[in-house]
Each structure stands twice: as structure tokens, then as C-alpha cells.
Amino acid sequence: MRYALWLAESIKFLVPFSLFIAIGNSIDFGERQSPPAVQPAITFVQEISLPFDSTAALTAIPVAEQPHRSSLLWNIGYLAWICGCLAVLVTYLAKGRRVKAVARNASPITQGRSFEALQRIMGDRTQVRLAYSASSIQPGVFGIIHPVLLLPEGMSDRLSDAELEAIIAHELAHVRRRDNLFSAIHMFVEALFWFHPMVWWIGAKLIQERERACDEDVLSMGKDPQAYARGILKVCELYLESPLACIAGVTGADMKKRIHTIMCQHIVNNVGWTKRMVLAAAGATALAAPIMFGLFRAPQIRAQSQSALKPSFEVASVRPTDSCYDTGGSIGLVSGPVAPPRPIPFAPTGFEGGRYSGCDSLKKFMEEAYQTEVSMIHGGPAWTGSARYRIDAKTDPSTPRNQMRLMLQSLLEERFKLKIHRTPREIEVY
């Protein structure tokens, strides 16, 4: 169970919590709509500021978004990550080739003390091949699908029957637990997240816990603790540890602590159903927490996405002015000959032909952009209804009116730092 928890921590790196947050964001239970009142919504101005100094004139400025430029720092970071991944992978592959060469040159064992010890432990269902290696690498299991137990040549002559049987029982415990497969998965995690210190610490804990679990398996089989400890110490004295973590051996982890645990015959009791339920609940909570976080943030993210997706004019200008004059329509399409300037009240003419021109107060522009009435706009400083501005903008002539209205909203929100929200309010009707 301890090993499984550390393995889950390792695999968690391959399943980022951002994925679960995205799952939560994608869940939509639908929004309950309140019954419409006489006036369903009212616009409040929360935050607003002058778009420029009143003495400055603003020329036409393109509003189109500037092309994205990758940061040099990000490029350097990506390059460093790729180089680190390749370095770790090349190191593991080089070590793997060395071990593979040792396994390829090993001699199969079909008789002798080692083979008899293997049969005593596994009986007729022996599915692990036994082989002698001429190298000085410690005993270990090579392979994932078809495991081979490699023993250093001459090792059986230096160990007693009890010591040899305990060592082989330890290696067979690795086979039953599929430790080579899980170690290979963590090595892949290390290659991807080589920069994260927790990954390497988890790797050390995995080796420590897998050896501890195999020691407990050997002791639970009734093997002599003293013979088992002597066998481990002899192997440590005579042979080298495997260079790869995915080659499960017998001499890994903290040797002093392991020997002390073996001699004390400390076997952890199986986890009861109560503890299993607690662990399962903790795991479910760890997975559900980011999903719930994404679920509660979904409305805010959708609102921000809708705001960010508002289109904008290709070219637009906003200028303060003392008074407004007719230029073929106070607000709307500019076309035909320009009449002599004469002051007239605000009279919107709509959005057509990809051009927009208007002169009036900010509240009047808001009235047309948000399709409301000035009387329904509350909040904001006094100048929003008194100061006059001239807005000229253009975009693609084929742009429909509803898109141009969104463009005007985007322009007002950008230049005037406009922040609004809509609140239902009941009004009296006579």
C-alpha cells in the first residue's frame, strides 16, 4: 500500500490537475433564468475614466491586435527542457544497453542449487527464466513481459541454501509485484520532469518502499531472518548494484535500516477495510477538488471569454470636442456630400457600410452600443453625460450591424476603461 501511494504520486505528474479543472469548466448545468420584469436589466457603471487628457487630440490609431511575439526567455526555457529530457533519456538508454548486453550473454540455468531453490519457491508454475551472468552485477530481474532472473556466476557457491533461497525469494517478489514495469513508468516521469526535485525524491522513496515490501514478503514466507540478512550483506560485499532502477535487485535502499527491519522481523499488517476506505476517500477528494474548482469558476471564465472575444474596429479615433455638428448624421454611416456644420441634437442612424461616426456624450454612445436608454444608466462621474466626444471608426464594409455594435462596446471599454454590469430592476409602468 505504501508503494502504491508513492507510485500514484509519480503518475500524478502525467495527469496534470489542469485537465480536471478543464473538465469542471466544461460541465454546464444551465443557468436558471428569473422571470422577466417590466425592465429586465439595468446597466450600472462601476469604473470609468477619461480616455486621455482633455487638452490632447487623438489621431486615428489602429485597434487591431498586434501579432504575438514569443518571449526569448520562454524559448530558452523550452530549449533547456528539451535538452534535459534528451540527456536523461540518453543516460537511461545507455545504461539499458549495458544491462541488455549482460542479459544477452547470460547462460540459462536448468539445474543446480539455484534452479532447485527456484522450484522450491514457485513449484511447477515457474514462469521466470534463470540465467548465470559473467558480470559482477548483483542478482536482479531483467525484463518486463518475459522476466529473466540474472544471478552472478559462482554466487550459489558462496551462499548457503537458506541464504540463496531467501535471495531468490526476494527477486521473485519483484516479479509478482511487477516492479520493473512501475519503475520504467517513473523513469519516464523523471525524463519529462527532470527539473522537479520532488520527482527524484519520489524515485528514491519508490526504491525504498519496493525493497521494504519485498523484504516483508520474504519474511512472511517464513524464511530465516538471520540467513536472509547474511545473504544480502554477502551480495553487497561481492557484487555491484544494477545501474538501472527498472532492474529490480536485492541491495537497493538504505541497507542499515533494511537489515535492522529484517532482524527485528518487522512485518506491517495488512491494511484493514477502514483504512482502505479512508485512503479511497482521500484519493477521490484529491481528484474531485480540481473538478469542483473548475465547476465553480466556469461562469466567470465563460464571461471573461465572451468579453475577450469581442471584435474591434480596424481603425478608430476618439477626440474630445466642445460641440457637435451634423456631418451627414450625428452617429452612424458617413456618406454623401458634407453639409455645412450646424448644431443639431444627437440622432443615431445605425451601423452600415463598415463605418461609424458620432459626436455626443459617453452615455449616448453607451445607449447605442448596449441597446439601452440613458435613463437606465446609473453610476459614473458627471462628465459621462456632459462632456462631448467625437468617435470615428471603420472596419470591413461587409461587417453586420450586430458585430459593429460589439466593436463599439469594445472601443468604449478600452478607451474609457468602462466596466459595467447588468442588474434586474422593477420599475413602475403607467
Protein backbone atom coordinates (compact mmCIF):
# COMPACT_ATOMS: atom_id res chain seq x y z
CA MET A 1 0.00 0.00 0.00
CA ARG A 2 2.85 2.39 0.80
CA TYR A 3 4.46 1.69 -2.55
CA ALA A 4 1.13 2.20 -4.33
CA LEU A 5 0.71 5.64 -2.74
CA TRP A 6 4.16 6.77 -3.86
CA LEU A 7 3.53 5.34 -7.32
CA ALA A 8 0.28 7.31 -7.50
CA GLU A 9 2.22 10.47 -6.64
CA SER A 10 4.56 9.72 -9.53
CA ILE A 11 1.80 9.02 -12.07
CA LYS A 12 0.04 12.22 -10.98
CA PHE A 13 2.72 14.18 -12.83
CA LEU A 14 1.47 12.62 -16.09
CA VAL A 15 -2.12 13.69 -15.40
CA PRO A 16 -2.00 17.43 -14.59
CA PHE A 17 -4.79 18.83 -12.45
CA SER A 18 -5.43 21.46 -15.13
CA LEU A 19 -7.14 18.65 -17.06
CA PHE A 20 -9.58 18.07 -14.20
CA ILE A 21 -10.14 21.82 -13.89
CA ALA A 22 -10.95 21.90 -17.61
CA ILE A 23 -13.41 19.04 -17.07
CA GLY A 24 -15.09 21.08 -14.36
CA ASN A 25 -15.21 24.11 -16.63
CA SER A 26 -16.89 22.07 -19.36
CA ILE A 27 -19.74 20.95 -17.09
CA ASP A 28 -22.76 23.15 -17.65
CA PHE A 29 -25.86 22.61 -15.54
CA GLY A 30 -27.59 25.51 -17.22
CA GLU A 31 -28.45 28.83 -15.66
CA ARG A 32 -31.87 29.38 -14.19
CA GLN A 33 -33.46 32.45 -15.68
CA SER A 34 -35.54 34.68 -13.42
CA PRO A 35 -38.95 35.81 -14.70
CA PRO A 36 -38.63 39.00 -16.74
CA ALA A 37 -39.69 42.21 -15.03
CA VAL A 38 -41.05 45.26 -16.77
CA GLN A 39 -37.44 46.31 -17.36
CA PRO A 40 -35.32 43.10 -17.35
CA ALA A 41 -31.90 44.67 -16.93
CA ILE A 42 -30.32 47.92 -15.94
CA THR A 43 -26.75 48.95 -16.63
CA PHE A 44 -24.54 50.27 -13.84
CA VAL A 45 -21.20 51.93 -14.45
CA GLN A 46 -18.70 50.50 -11.96
CA GLU A 47 -15.43 52.01 -13.07
CA ILE A 48 -14.78 54.66 -15.67
CA SER A 49 -12.03 57.15 -16.51
CA LEU A 50 -11.19 59.74 -19.10
CA PRO A 51 -9.55 58.21 -22.16
CA PHE A 52 -6.95 60.99 -22.36
CA ASP A 53 -6.07 64.46 -21.19
CA SER A 54 -8.79 66.91 -22.18
CA THR A 55 -6.23 69.15 -23.85
CA ALA A 56 -4.78 66.41 -26.06
CA ALA A 57 -6.09 65.45 -29.50
CA LEU A 58 -6.06 61.82 -30.55
CA THR A 59 -5.38 60.85 -34.15
CA ALA A 60 -6.62 57.66 -35.77
CA ILE A 61 -4.97 54.66 -34.12
CA PRO A 62 -5.27 51.08 -35.34
CA VAL A 63 -7.13 48.96 -32.82
CA ALA A 64 -6.28 45.58 -34.36
CA GLU A 65 -4.39 43.29 -32.05
CA GLN A 66 -0.64 43.26 -32.52
CA PRO A 67 0.88 39.96 -33.67
CA HIS A 68 2.11 37.77 -30.86
CA ARG A 69 5.87 37.65 -30.33
CA SER A 70 7.37 34.77 -28.44
CA SER A 71 9.45 35.76 -25.48
CA LEU A 72 13.13 34.96 -25.67
CA LEU A 73 13.00 33.73 -22.09
CA TRP A 74 10.28 31.20 -22.95
CA ASN A 75 12.26 29.97 -25.95
CA ILE A 76 15.32 29.46 -23.77
CA GLY A 77 13.19 27.60 -21.22
CA TYR A 78 11.74 25.27 -23.86
CA LEU A 79 15.19 24.56 -25.23
CA ALA A 80 16.56 23.81 -21.76
CA TRP A 81 13.65 21.45 -21.05
CA ILE A 82 14.17 19.55 -24.31
CA CYS A 83 17.91 19.26 -23.67
CA GLY A 84 17.25 17.98 -20.15
CA CYS A 85 14.76 15.38 -21.39
CA LEU A 86 17.18 14.16 -24.03
CA ALA A 87 20.04 13.99 -21.53
CA VAL A 88 18.03 11.86 -19.08
CA LEU A 89 16.71 9.58 -21.84
CA VAL A 90 20.15 9.09 -23.38
CA THR A 91 21.60 8.26 -19.96
CA TYR A 92 18.91 5.67 -19.27
CA LEU A 93 19.20 4.18 -22.76
CA ALA A 94 22.97 3.84 -22.42
CA LYS A 95 22.62 2.06 -19.08
CA GLY A 96 19.86 -0.12 -20.52
CA ARG A 97 22.08 -1.23 -23.40
CA ARG A 98 24.77 -2.30 -20.96
CA VAL A 99 22.32 -4.39 -18.92
CA LYS A 100 20.77 -5.81 -22.09
CA ALA A 101 24.20 -6.91 -23.27
CA VAL A 102 24.75 -8.66 -19.94
CA ALA A 103 21.40 -10.46 -20.24
CA ARG A 104 22.10 -11.45 -23.86
CA ASN A 105 25.41 -13.08 -22.91
CA ALA A 106 23.98 -14.87 -19.86
CA SER A 107 23.85 -18.69 -19.75
CA PRO A 108 20.48 -20.35 -18.95
CA ILE A 109 20.27 -22.42 -15.76
CA THR A 110 18.29 -25.65 -15.87
CA GLN A 111 19.85 -27.48 -12.95
CA GLY A 112 21.90 -26.94 -9.82
CA ARG A 113 21.25 -25.38 -6.41
CA SER A 114 19.86 -22.11 -7.77
CA PHE A 115 17.40 -23.89 -10.06
CA GLU A 116 16.28 -26.18 -7.24
CA ALA A 117 15.74 -23.18 -4.94
CA LEU A 118 13.62 -21.55 -7.65
CA GLN A 119 11.49 -24.68 -8.00
CA ARG A 120 11.01 -24.99 -4.23
CA ILE A 121 9.63 -21.46 -4.10
CA MET A 122 7.48 -21.45 -7.24
CA GLY A 123 6.80 -25.15 -7.81
CA ASP A 124 5.72 -26.31 -11.25
CA ARG A 125 4.32 -22.87 -12.21
CA THR A 126 7.77 -21.42 -12.74
CA GLN A 127 7.43 -18.62 -15.32
CA VAL A 128 10.75 -16.92 -14.66
CA ARG A 129 13.85 -18.00 -16.53
CA LEU A 130 17.05 -18.36 -14.57
CA ALA A 131 20.45 -17.43 -16.04
CA TYR A 132 24.07 -17.01 -14.94
CA SER A 133 25.90 -13.80 -15.81
CA ALA A 134 29.65 -13.41 -16.06
CA SER A 135 29.44 -9.76 -14.93
CA SER A 136 29.77 -8.52 -11.37
CA ILE A 137 26.27 -7.00 -11.29
CA GLN A 138 24.15 -8.07 -8.31
CA PRO A 139 21.26 -10.52 -8.69
CA GLY A 140 18.34 -8.87 -10.43
CA VAL A 141 15.28 -9.34 -12.61
CA PHE A 142 15.68 -8.20 -16.21
CA GLY A 143 12.70 -7.61 -18.49
CA ILE A 144 9.05 -6.71 -18.05
CA ILE A 145 6.99 -9.07 -20.23
CA HIS A 146 9.32 -12.08 -20.08
CA PRO A 147 11.41 -11.59 -16.92
CA VAL A 148 14.78 -13.25 -16.52
CA LEU A 149 16.42 -13.67 -13.12
CA LEU A 150 20.14 -12.98 -13.59
CA LEU A 151 22.49 -14.42 -10.99
CA PRO A 152 26.22 -13.67 -10.91
CA GLU A 153 28.21 -16.73 -11.88
CA GLY A 154 29.52 -18.53 -8.81
CA MET A 155 27.12 -16.82 -6.39
CA SER A 156 25.49 -20.09 -5.36
CA ASP A 157 28.88 -21.42 -4.26
CA ARG A 158 29.31 -18.52 -1.80
CA LEU A 159 25.86 -18.67 -0.18
CA SER A 160 24.25 -21.32 1.96
CA ASP A 161 21.00 -22.94 0.88
CA ALA A 162 18.95 -20.76 3.25
CA GLU A 163 20.70 -17.59 2.11
CA LEU A 164 20.36 -18.46 -1.59
CA GLU A 165 16.69 -19.35 -1.26
CA ALA A 166 15.92 -16.09 0.58
CA ILE A 167 17.70 -14.02 -2.10
CA ILE A 168 15.81 -15.77 -4.92
CA ALA A 169 12.53 -15.34 -3.00
CA HIS A 170 13.24 -11.62 -2.82
CA GLU A 171 13.72 -11.40 -6.59
CA LEU A 172 10.57 -13.39 -7.30
CA ALA A 173 8.66 -10.93 -5.12
CA HIS A 174 9.76 -8.20 -7.53
CA VAL A 175 8.36 -10.26 -10.41
CA ARG A 176 4.99 -10.77 -8.73
CA ARG A 177 4.71 -7.06 -7.94
CA ARG A 178 5.72 -6.01 -11.49
CA ASP A 179 8.25 -3.59 -10.03
CA ASN A 180 10.21 -3.34 -13.29
CA LEU A 181 7.14 -2.00 -15.13
CA PHE A 182 6.34 0.58 -12.49
CA SER A 183 9.98 1.65 -12.26
CA ALA A 184 10.07 2.16 -16.03
CA ILE A 185 6.99 4.38 -15.77
CA HIS A 186 8.68 6.51 -13.14
CA MET A 187 11.83 6.74 -15.24
CA PHE A 188 9.66 8.21 -18.00
CA VAL A 189 8.29 10.71 -15.47
CA GLU A 190 11.85 11.60 -14.47
CA ALA A 191 12.76 12.24 -18.09
CA LEU A 192 9.82 14.61 -18.59
CA PHE A 193 10.04 16.40 -15.24
CA TRP A 194 13.78 16.24 -14.66
CA PHE A 195 13.74 19.81 -13.33
CA HIS A 196 11.33 18.97 -10.47
CA PRO A 197 13.14 17.90 -7.27
CA MET A 198 10.04 16.09 -6.00
CA VAL A 199 10.26 13.64 -8.91
CA TRP A 200 13.73 12.48 -7.90
CA TRP A 201 12.76 12.30 -4.24
CA ILE A 202 9.72 10.18 -5.14
CA GLY A 203 12.01 7.91 -7.17
CA ALA A 204 14.18 7.29 -4.12
CA LYS A 205 11.10 6.60 -2.00
CA LEU A 206 9.80 4.12 -4.59
CA ILE A 207 13.04 2.12 -4.44
CA GLN A 208 12.98 2.21 -0.65
CA GLU A 209 9.37 1.06 -0.40
CA ARG A 210 9.62 -1.67 -3.03
CA GLU A 211 12.62 -3.24 -1.29
CA ARG A 212 10.85 -2.97 2.04
CA ALA A 213 7.75 -4.64 0.58
CA CYS A 214 9.81 -7.49 -0.88
CA ASP A 215 11.61 -7.96 2.45
CA GLU A 216 8.23 -8.28 4.14
CA ASP A 217 7.16 -10.85 1.54
CA VAL A 218 10.27 -12.94 2.21
CA LEU A 219 9.75 -12.82 5.98
CA SER A 220 6.05 -13.65 5.60
CA MET A 221 7.11 -16.84 3.74
CA GLY A 222 8.85 -17.99 6.92
CA LYS A 223 12.45 -17.52 5.77
CA ASP A 224 15.14 -17.25 8.43
CA PRO A 225 15.78 -13.52 9.08
CA GLN A 226 19.42 -14.07 10.01
CA ALA A 227 20.14 -16.11 6.89
CA TYR A 228 18.32 -13.53 4.76
CA ALA A 229 20.30 -10.64 6.27
CA ARG A 230 23.61 -12.52 5.86
CA GLY A 231 22.77 -13.25 2.23
CA ILE A 232 22.06 -9.58 1.50
CA LEU A 233 25.31 -8.47 3.14
CA LYS A 234 27.34 -11.04 1.17
CA VAL A 235 25.77 -9.90 -2.10
CA CYS A 236 26.55 -6.27 -1.22
CA GLU A 237 30.16 -7.22 -0.47
CA LEU A 238 30.73 -9.25 -3.63
CA TYR A 239 28.66 -7.60 -6.36
CA LEU A 240 27.72 -4.19 -7.78
CA GLU A 241 24.25 -2.65 -7.75
CA SER A 242 22.37 -2.51 -11.05
CA PRO A 243 22.77 0.84 -12.85
CA LEU A 244 19.04 0.99 -13.71
CA ALA A 245 16.16 1.35 -11.26
CA CYS A 246 13.96 -0.78 -13.53
CA ILE A 247 16.26 -3.77 -12.92
CA ALA A 248 14.94 -4.83 -9.53
CA GLY A 249 17.74 -6.15 -7.35
CA VAL A 250 18.31 -7.09 -3.74
CA THR A 251 20.73 -4.41 -2.49
CA GLY A 252 18.71 -1.23 -3.02
CA ALA A 253 17.51 1.35 -0.46
CA ASP A 254 19.00 2.14 2.97
CA MET A 255 20.92 -1.04 3.81
CA LYS A 256 21.39 -0.32 7.52
CA LYS A 257 17.70 0.33 8.02
CA ARG A 258 16.74 -2.71 5.95
CA ILE A 259 18.95 -5.07 7.95
CA HIS A 260 17.57 -3.68 11.21
CA THR A 261 13.99 -4.18 10.00
CA ILE A 262 14.74 -7.74 8.83
CA MET A 263 16.42 -8.75 12.08
CA CYS A 264 13.52 -7.32 14.10
CA GLN A 265 11.14 -9.26 11.82
CA HIS A 266 9.01 -6.17 11.46
CA ILE A 267 6.12 -7.09 9.17
CA VAL A 268 3.44 -4.49 8.58
CA ASN A 269 -0.06 -5.84 9.00
CA ASN A 270 -2.39 -5.72 6.04
CA VAL A 271 -4.42 -2.56 5.72
CA GLY A 272 -7.95 -3.10 7.02
CA TRP A 273 -11.15 -2.12 5.28
CA THR A 274 -11.49 1.02 7.39
CA LYS A 275 -8.08 2.33 6.38
CA ARG A 276 -8.73 1.35 2.77
CA MET A 277 -11.96 3.35 2.76
CA VAL A 278 -10.17 6.34 4.27
CA LEU A 279 -7.45 6.14 1.61
CA ALA A 280 -10.05 5.74 -1.15
CA ALA A 281 -11.95 8.78 0.14
CA ALA A 282 -8.75 10.81 0.26
CA GLY A 283 -7.93 9.84 -3.32
CA ALA A 284 -11.44 10.66 -4.52
CA THR A 285 -11.25 14.04 -2.79
CA ALA A 286 -7.91 14.79 -4.41
CA LEU A 287 -9.44 14.11 -7.85
CA ALA A 288 -12.76 15.83 -7.19
CA ALA A 289 -11.29 19.02 -5.73
CA PRO A 290 -9.89 20.41 -9.03
CA ILE A 291 -13.08 19.37 -10.86
CA MET A 292 -15.23 21.29 -8.36
CA PHE A 293 -12.83 24.23 -8.57
CA GLY A 294 -13.26 24.33 -12.33
CA LEU A 295 -17.03 23.89 -11.98
CA PHE A 296 -17.40 26.95 -9.74
CA ARG A 297 -15.04 29.03 -11.88
CA ALA A 298 -16.83 28.11 -15.12
CA PRO A 299 -19.29 31.07 -15.16
CA GLN A 300 -16.50 33.57 -14.55
CA ILE A 301 -14.31 32.01 -17.24
CA ARG A 302 -17.17 32.00 -19.75
CA ALA A 303 -17.88 35.66 -19.02
CA GLN A 304 -14.21 36.56 -19.45
CA SER A 305 -14.04 34.54 -22.66
CA GLN A 306 -17.06 36.31 -24.08
CA SER A 307 -15.54 39.67 -23.19
CA ALA A 308 -12.18 38.74 -24.68
CA LEU A 309 -13.78 37.58 -27.93
CA LYS A 310 -15.41 40.93 -28.70
CA PRO A 311 -14.35 42.15 -32.15
CA SER A 312 -12.68 45.52 -32.66
CA PHE A 313 -12.52 48.17 -35.36
CA GLU A 314 -9.59 48.19 -37.75
CA VAL A 315 -9.04 51.93 -37.21
CA ALA A 316 -10.68 54.14 -34.61
CA SER A 317 -10.19 57.56 -33.05
CA VAL A 318 -11.75 59.25 -30.02
CA ARG A 319 -11.40 63.03 -29.67
CA PRO A 320 -12.83 65.50 -27.15
CA THR A 321 -14.84 68.35 -28.63
CA ASP A 322 -16.70 71.42 -27.39
CA SER A 323 -19.80 70.92 -29.56
CA CYS A 324 -21.21 68.52 -32.12
CA TYR A 325 -22.13 69.37 -35.68
CA ASP A 326 -24.01 67.49 -38.37
CA THR A 327 -21.76 65.66 -40.81
CA GLY A 328 -24.41 63.73 -42.65
CA GLY A 329 -25.72 62.09 -39.47
CA SER A 330 -24.59 62.61 -35.90
CA ILE A 331 -23.91 58.95 -35.33
CA GLY A 332 -23.76 56.28 -37.99
CA LEU A 333 -22.73 55.92 -41.61
CA VAL A 334 -20.87 58.84 -43.21
CA SER A 335 -21.82 59.12 -46.85
CA GLY A 336 -22.58 61.74 -49.48
CA PRO A 337 -21.52 65.38 -49.52
CA VAL A 338 -20.76 67.02 -46.21
CA ALA A 339 -23.30 69.73 -45.33
CA PRO A 340 -22.24 72.99 -43.66
CA PRO A 341 -21.75 72.47 -39.95
CA ARG A 342 -24.81 73.23 -37.89
CA PRO A 343 -25.52 72.18 -34.33
CA ILE A 344 -28.24 69.55 -34.05
CA PRO A 345 -29.29 67.17 -31.29
CA PHE A 346 -27.97 63.64 -31.17
CA ALA A 347 -29.74 61.40 -33.71
CA PRO A 348 -28.31 57.91 -34.26
CA THR A 349 -28.58 56.49 -37.77
CA GLY A 350 -27.24 52.96 -37.16
CA PHE A 351 -24.23 50.95 -38.33
CA GLU A 352 -23.76 50.43 -42.03
CA GLY A 353 -21.05 50.17 -44.63
CA GLY A 354 -18.32 49.35 -42.16
CA ARG A 355 -18.03 52.96 -40.95
CA TYR A 356 -19.13 54.56 -37.73
CA SER A 357 -19.06 58.28 -36.92
CA GLY A 358 -20.64 60.01 -33.98
CA CYS A 359 -20.40 63.01 -31.69
CA ASP A 360 -22.07 63.07 -28.27
CA SER A 361 -21.65 62.18 -24.60
CA LEU A 362 -20.37 58.86 -23.38
CA LYS A 363 -23.80 57.88 -22.08
CA LYS A 364 -25.29 58.41 -25.54
CA PHE A 365 -22.63 56.20 -27.06
CA MET A 366 -23.40 53.59 -24.39
CA GLU A 367 -27.09 53.86 -25.23
CA GLU A 368 -26.43 52.82 -28.80
CA ALA A 369 -23.66 50.31 -28.07
CA TYR A 370 -25.56 48.40 -25.36
CA GLN A 371 -29.07 48.99 -26.75
CA THR A 372 -30.40 50.61 -23.60
CA GLU A 373 -31.66 54.06 -22.59
CA VAL A 374 -29.76 56.89 -20.95
CA SER A 375 -32.31 56.91 -18.13
CA MET A 376 -31.36 53.32 -17.33
CA ILE A 377 -27.63 54.07 -16.98
CA HIS A 378 -26.61 54.73 -13.39
CA GLY A 379 -23.31 55.48 -11.73
CA GLY A 380 -20.16 57.03 -13.12
CA PRO A 381 -18.90 60.63 -12.88
CA ALA A 382 -20.95 63.58 -14.06
CA TRP A 383 -18.85 64.19 -17.17
CA THR A 384 -20.17 60.98 -18.74
CA GLY A 385 -23.37 62.86 -19.57
CA SER A 386 -21.96 66.32 -20.27
CA ALA A 387 -18.57 66.04 -22.00
CA ARG A 388 -18.71 65.59 -25.76
CA TYR A 389 -16.52 63.26 -27.80
CA ARG A 390 -16.12 62.58 -31.48
CA ILE A 391 -15.70 58.94 -32.48
CA ASP A 392 -14.69 57.88 -35.98
CA ALA A 393 -14.07 54.23 -36.76
CA LYS A 394 -14.10 51.85 -39.67
CA THR A 395 -13.85 48.15 -40.37
CA ASP A 396 -14.66 45.70 -43.16
CA PRO A 397 -17.66 47.03 -45.16
CA SER A 398 -19.31 43.60 -45.01
CA THR A 399 -19.41 43.60 -41.20
CA PRO A 400 -23.01 43.24 -39.94
CA ARG A 401 -24.57 45.70 -37.52
CA ASN A 402 -24.53 43.42 -34.51
CA GLN A 403 -20.79 42.91 -34.92
CA MET A 404 -20.21 46.66 -35.27
CA ARG A 405 -22.19 47.22 -32.08
CA LEU A 406 -19.84 44.80 -30.30
CA MET A 407 -16.90 46.70 -31.80
CA LEU A 408 -18.28 49.94 -30.34
CA GLN A 409 -18.62 48.25 -26.94
CA SER A 410 -15.02 47.08 -27.15
CA LEU A 411 -13.85 50.58 -28.13
CA LEU A 412 -15.69 52.24 -25.22
CA GLU A 413 -14.43 49.66 -22.74
CA GLU A 414 -10.85 50.08 -23.95
CA ARG A 415 -10.61 53.87 -24.32
CA PHE A 416 -12.77 54.89 -21.35
CA LYS A 417 -11.81 51.92 -19.11
CA LEU A 418 -15.51 51.16 -18.94
CA LYS A 419 -16.70 48.44 -16.57
CA ILE A 420 -20.40 47.60 -16.47
CA HIS A 421 -22.75 45.02 -15.06
CA ARG A 422 -26.45 44.47 -15.53
CA THR A 423 -28.84 44.18 -12.60
CA PRO A 424 -32.56 43.35 -12.83
CA ARG A 425 -34.80 46.12 -11.51
CA GLU A 426 -38.55 46.53 -11.39
CA ILE A 427 -39.96 49.87 -12.49
CA GLU A 428 -43.44 51.27 -12.36
CA VAL A 429 -45.38 51.46 -15.60
CA TYR A 430 -48.31 53.86 -16.05
